[in-house]
Protein backbone atom coordinates (compact mmCIF):
# COMPACT_ATOMS: atom_id res chain seq x y z
CA MET A 1 -1.97 61.46 -162.29
CA GLU A 2 -4.68 61.86 -164.12
CA ARG A 3 -8.99 60.06 -163.55
CA GLY A 4 -10.71 58.97 -165.46
CA ALA A 5 -14.72 57.46 -165.91
CA TRP A 6 -17.01 55.67 -168.24
CA GLN A 7 -19.98 55.27 -167.64
CA PHE A 8 -22.35 52.92 -169.88
CA SER A 9 -25.08 50.12 -171.05
CA LEU A 10 -25.58 46.80 -171.21
CA LYS A 11 -28.31 45.11 -173.40
CA LYS A 12 -31.02 43.25 -171.63
CA GLY A 13 -30.23 40.44 -170.45
CA LYS A 14 -26.31 40.05 -171.06
CA GLU A 15 -25.65 41.96 -167.57
CA GLN A 16 -24.70 38.58 -165.63
CA ALA A 17 -22.61 37.77 -169.03
CA TYR A 18 -20.35 40.61 -168.47
CA CYS A 19 -19.66 40.21 -165.26
CA ASP A 20 -19.28 36.97 -166.45
CA ALA A 21 -16.72 38.51 -168.79
CA HIS A 22 -14.94 40.11 -166.67
CA ALA A 23 -14.21 36.84 -164.09
CA ARG A 24 -12.04 35.63 -166.88
CA VAL A 25 -10.34 38.84 -168.21
CA TRP A 26 -7.49 38.16 -170.21
CA PRO A 27 -4.83 38.56 -168.47
CA GLU A 28 -2.86 39.60 -171.51
CA LEU A 29 -5.64 42.57 -172.30
CA ILE A 30 -3.81 43.06 -168.28
CA GLU A 31 -0.79 42.93 -168.78
CA ALA A 32 -1.23 45.14 -172.44
CA ALA A 33 -3.09 47.94 -169.68
CA ARG A 34 -0.43 48.39 -167.22
CA ALA A 35 1.89 48.42 -169.79
CA ALA A 36 0.36 51.03 -171.37
CA GLY A 37 0.50 53.17 -168.32
CA LEU A 38 -3.88 52.30 -166.61
CA LYS A 39 -3.62 51.81 -162.90
CA ASN A 40 -5.69 51.04 -160.39
CA HIS A 41 -8.44 50.19 -162.80
CA SER A 42 -12.22 49.27 -161.91
CA VAL A 43 -15.31 48.51 -163.29
CA PHE A 44 -18.27 48.30 -161.00
CA VAL A 45 -22.46 47.45 -162.42
CA VAL A 46 -26.01 48.14 -161.21
CA GLY A 47 -28.39 46.56 -163.08
CA SER A 48 -27.24 47.45 -166.72
CA THR A 49 -25.54 50.42 -166.35
CA VAL A 50 -21.94 49.84 -166.21
CA PHE A 51 -18.84 52.37 -164.58
CA GLY A 52 -15.56 52.10 -165.45
CA TYR A 53 -12.56 54.19 -163.86
CA GLY A 54 -9.17 53.82 -164.01
CA GLU A 55 -6.07 56.24 -163.39
CA ALA A 56 -2.80 57.22 -165.44
CA GLU A 57 -0.39 59.14 -166.02
CA ASP A 58 -1.86 60.58 -169.15
CA LEU A 59 -4.66 59.30 -169.61
CA ALA A 60 -5.51 60.24 -173.72
CA THR A 61 -2.09 58.51 -174.64
CA THR A 62 -2.64 55.76 -172.13
CA MET A 63 -5.88 55.38 -174.66
CA LYS A 64 -5.30 55.37 -176.76
CA SER A 65 -2.23 53.69 -176.84
CA LEU A 66 -4.85 50.18 -175.60
CA ASP A 67 -7.24 51.31 -178.33
CA SER A 68 -3.87 50.52 -181.38
CA LEU A 69 -3.49 47.46 -179.38
CA ASP A 70 -4.68 43.92 -181.11
CA VAL A 71 -5.83 42.73 -178.40
CA THR A 72 -8.54 45.91 -177.25
CA ARG A 73 -9.90 45.58 -180.46
CA ARG A 74 -10.59 41.83 -179.44
CA TRP A 75 -12.11 42.39 -175.92
CA ASN A 76 -14.78 45.09 -177.55
CA GLU A 77 -15.50 42.77 -180.19
CA ALA A 78 -16.48 40.10 -178.08
CA MET A 79 -18.55 42.98 -175.28
CA ALA A 80 -19.50 44.49 -177.51
CA GLU A 81 -22.26 42.01 -178.03
CA LEU A 82 -23.30 42.78 -174.95
CA MET A 83 -23.24 46.57 -175.20
CA GLU A 84 -26.13 49.06 -175.89
CA ASP A 85 -23.90 51.57 -176.38
CA VAL A 86 -20.11 50.59 -176.71
CA GLY A 87 -18.92 54.20 -177.08
CA GLY A 88 -20.58 55.18 -173.76
CA VAL A 89 -20.49 58.79 -172.11
CA THR A 90 -17.33 60.12 -170.46
CA LEU A 91 -18.02 61.52 -166.29
CA THR A 92 -16.66 64.01 -165.16
CA GLU A 93 -15.11 64.50 -162.08
CA VAL A 94 -16.51 68.04 -159.73
CA PHE A 95 -14.66 65.98 -156.17
CA HIS A 96 -11.83 64.67 -155.06
CA PHE A 97 -10.26 64.23 -152.23
CA ASP A 98 -6.63 62.02 -150.70
């Protein structure tokens, strides 16, 4: 199982709107993520900084599959209005234990 984490920033004043959107994540987006192989996905927010985490057998393939879907494109478009840096950065794992 591969693990991945990402970080990006929200636009000033958009923190609550981002949290509210994630309280109502579209069921079809979650279904698509599961079907693509994404597991154990979490999003954390501190101030205007967002951290995302997910696992997949092949994370690159899973993310590529998700990125090709219309539901992902629509979600990303909606979130882009709230995000400062849509691309964000991929975090490097330096420690892990189960």
